[in-house]
Amino acid sequence: MMLELTVKIEAGDLYDYMLMHSYNSPAGLVGSAFGALLIVFAFATQQWIFIVLGLVMLLYLPWTLFIKSRSQILSNSSFQEPLQYTLDEEGLTVSQGEAQEKMAWEDMHKAVSTGRSIIVYTSRVNATIFPKRQLGDNRSAVIEMISTHMPPAKVKIRS
């Protein structure tokens, strides 16, 4: 079986990936927990400066990721044109213009989903983003292809 897809990554898709990636990292989790603790501490001690500090901690990361996703979409040439994906028995091939890169299923790190996207990590920090709204009728076929070719422990996709 072979699937061919054309995907145009938009700022919202990149933001969704960045949020998921950041909040599933130790630093993102610690920062969020610390921000929440500062707010709880503010109510417990009635020292309201801690609410301000807690809100800054909680809102800083999403805001900076929002700005970063917008600027990357505008400045990175690979986001200007749609990407062509081919998923087959051997792996995932991405091409744009003359450039082409093939990645084997066994080299993939993990596959996850958000409410907005299916994300296949090709390394610890790099990923292929499949926005669900662009997959249309191919969504279940993409999930099946990923689930069939990657070990179950690496696949955390909710339909």
Protein backbone atom coordinates (compact mmCIF):
# COMPACT_ATOMS: atom_id res chain seq x y z
CA MET A 1 0.00 0.00 0.00
CA MET A 2 1.17 3.52 -0.76
CA LEU A 3 -0.30 6.87 0.28
CA GLU A 4 0.51 10.17 -1.36
CA LEU A 5 -0.36 13.41 0.41
CA THR A 6 0.13 17.10 -0.19
CA VAL A 7 0.40 19.18 2.97
CA LYS A 8 0.83 22.92 3.47
CA ILE A 9 2.00 23.69 6.99
CA GLU A 10 0.47 26.88 8.38
CA ALA A 11 1.40 28.87 11.48
CA GLY A 12 -1.36 27.26 13.58
CA ASP A 13 -0.10 23.77 12.68
CA LEU A 14 3.44 24.68 13.69
CA TYR A 15 2.19 26.33 16.91
CA ASP A 16 0.20 23.19 17.78
CA TYR A 17 3.34 21.05 17.31
CA MET A 18 5.51 23.45 19.32
CA LEU A 19 3.04 23.51 22.22
CA MET A 20 2.75 19.72 22.30
CA HIS A 21 6.51 19.28 22.06
CA SER A 22 7.30 21.89 24.73
CA TYR A 23 4.69 20.83 27.27
CA ASN A 24 5.74 17.19 26.97
CA SER A 25 9.33 18.06 27.81
CA PRO A 26 10.67 18.14 31.39
CA ALA A 27 11.34 21.90 31.20
CA GLY A 28 7.80 22.65 30.01
CA LEU A 29 6.24 20.51 32.73
CA VAL A 30 8.42 21.99 35.50
CA GLY A 31 7.76 25.56 34.30
CA SER A 32 4.00 24.99 34.25
CA ALA A 33 3.98 23.31 37.65
CA PHE A 34 6.09 26.09 39.16
CA GLY A 35 3.83 28.79 37.68
CA ALA A 36 0.75 27.05 39.10
CA LEU A 37 2.44 26.67 42.50
CA LEU A 38 3.22 30.40 42.57
CA ILE A 39 -0.46 31.18 42.01
CA VAL A 40 -1.53 28.76 44.77
CA PHE A 41 1.13 30.29 47.05
CA ALA A 42 -0.24 33.78 46.28
CA PHE A 43 -3.71 32.77 47.46
CA ALA A 44 -2.37 30.97 50.52
CA THR A 45 -0.18 33.89 51.66
CA GLN A 46 -2.21 36.74 50.13
CA GLN A 47 1.01 38.12 48.65
CA TRP A 48 -0.40 39.05 45.24
CA ILE A 49 2.94 39.60 43.54
CA PHE A 50 3.12 35.79 43.29
CA ILE A 51 -0.01 35.78 41.09
CA VAL A 52 1.78 38.08 38.66
CA LEU A 53 4.90 35.90 38.73
CA GLY A 54 2.83 32.72 38.30
CA LEU A 55 0.90 34.16 35.35
CA VAL A 56 4.13 35.29 33.71
CA MET A 57 5.52 31.76 34.11
CA LEU A 58 2.35 30.17 32.72
CA LEU A 59 1.86 32.56 29.79
CA TYR A 60 5.46 33.16 28.71
CA LEU A 61 5.97 29.84 26.89
CA PRO A 62 2.71 29.81 24.89
CA TRP A 63 3.19 33.45 23.90
CA THR A 64 6.80 33.01 22.76
CA LEU A 65 5.89 29.83 20.85
CA PHE A 66 3.04 31.71 19.15
CA ILE A 67 5.44 34.45 18.01
CA LYS A 68 8.10 31.90 17.00
CA SER A 69 5.65 29.83 14.91
CA ARG A 70 4.50 32.94 13.03
CA SER A 71 8.04 34.09 12.31
CA GLN A 72 9.20 30.61 11.23
CA ILE A 73 6.33 30.29 8.75
CA LEU A 74 7.28 33.64 7.23
CA SER A 75 11.06 33.18 7.23
CA ASN A 76 11.56 29.47 6.46
CA SER A 77 11.31 28.76 2.74
CA SER A 78 10.24 25.15 3.29
CA PHE A 79 6.92 26.39 4.71
CA GLN A 80 6.15 28.56 1.67
CA GLU A 81 5.22 25.71 -0.65
CA PRO A 82 3.25 22.51 0.01
CA LEU A 83 5.17 19.37 0.94
CA GLN A 84 4.59 16.09 -0.91
CA TYR A 85 4.55 13.01 1.31
CA THR A 86 4.66 9.38 0.26
CA LEU A 87 4.04 6.74 2.90
CA ASP A 88 4.81 3.20 1.82
CA GLU A 89 6.01 -0.13 3.21
CA GLU A 90 9.58 1.14 3.61
CA GLY A 91 8.99 4.51 5.21
CA LEU A 92 8.14 8.12 4.70
CA THR A 93 9.39 10.23 1.80
CA VAL A 94 9.05 13.99 1.84
CA SER A 95 9.71 16.07 -1.24
CA GLN A 96 9.45 19.71 -2.20
CA GLY A 97 10.59 20.92 -5.58
CA GLU A 98 13.78 19.02 -6.42
CA ALA A 99 14.62 18.14 -2.80
CA GLN A 100 13.64 14.70 -1.51
CA GLU A 101 14.32 12.86 1.74
CA LYS A 102 13.41 9.29 2.61
CA MET A 103 13.16 8.07 6.20
CA ALA A 104 12.71 4.41 7.17
CA TRP A 105 9.94 3.44 9.60
CA GLU A 106 12.44 1.81 11.94
CA ASP A 107 14.29 5.14 12.28
CA MET A 108 11.18 7.00 13.47
CA HIS A 109 11.23 7.93 17.15
CA LYS A 110 7.51 8.11 17.89
CA ALA A 111 4.11 9.09 16.53
CA VAL A 112 1.60 11.15 18.51
CA SER A 113 -1.55 13.12 17.89
CA THR A 114 -3.05 16.35 19.09
CA GLY A 115 -6.56 17.57 18.49
CA ARG A 116 -5.25 19.26 15.37
CA SER A 117 -2.46 17.06 13.96
CA ILE A 118 -0.78 13.69 13.64
CA ILE A 119 2.92 14.12 14.36
CA VAL A 120 5.64 11.64 13.41
CA TYR A 121 8.98 12.34 15.09
CA THR A 122 11.82 11.63 12.68
CA SER A 123 14.33 12.44 15.45
CA ARG A 124 14.08 13.58 19.07
CA VAL A 125 13.38 17.17 17.99
CA ASN A 126 12.36 17.00 14.31
CA ALA A 127 8.95 15.91 13.18
CA THR A 128 6.62 15.56 10.26
CA ILE A 129 3.29 17.27 10.86
CA PHE A 130 0.11 16.01 9.22
CA PRO A 131 -2.67 18.55 9.91
CA LYS A 132 -5.87 16.50 10.32
CA ARG A 133 -7.96 19.04 8.36
CA GLN A 134 -5.76 18.45 5.30
CA LEU A 135 -5.87 14.65 5.50
CA GLY A 136 -9.59 14.38 4.77
CA ASP A 137 -10.54 10.81 3.83
CA ASN A 138 -6.89 9.72 4.17
CA ARG A 139 -6.76 10.26 7.96
CA SER A 140 -7.55 6.66 8.93
CA ALA A 141 -5.24 5.32 6.20
CA VAL A 142 -2.37 7.49 7.53
CA ILE A 143 -2.99 6.28 11.09
CA GLU A 144 -3.16 2.68 9.90
CA MET A 145 0.07 3.04 7.89
CA ILE A 146 1.93 4.51 10.89
CA SER A 147 0.47 1.96 13.34
CA THR A 148 1.29 -0.96 11.05
CA HIS A 149 4.93 -0.01 10.47
CA MET A 150 6.00 1.39 13.85
CA PRO A 151 6.19 -0.58 17.12
CA PRO A 152 3.02 -0.10 19.23
CA ALA A 153 5.07 1.37 22.10
CA LYS A 154 6.11 4.27 19.86
CA VAL A 155 2.59 5.10 18.61
CA LYS A 156 0.29 7.25 20.73
CA ILE A 157 -2.35 8.39 18.26
CA ARG A 158 -5.96 9.03 19.19
CA SER A 159 -8.38 9.05 16.29
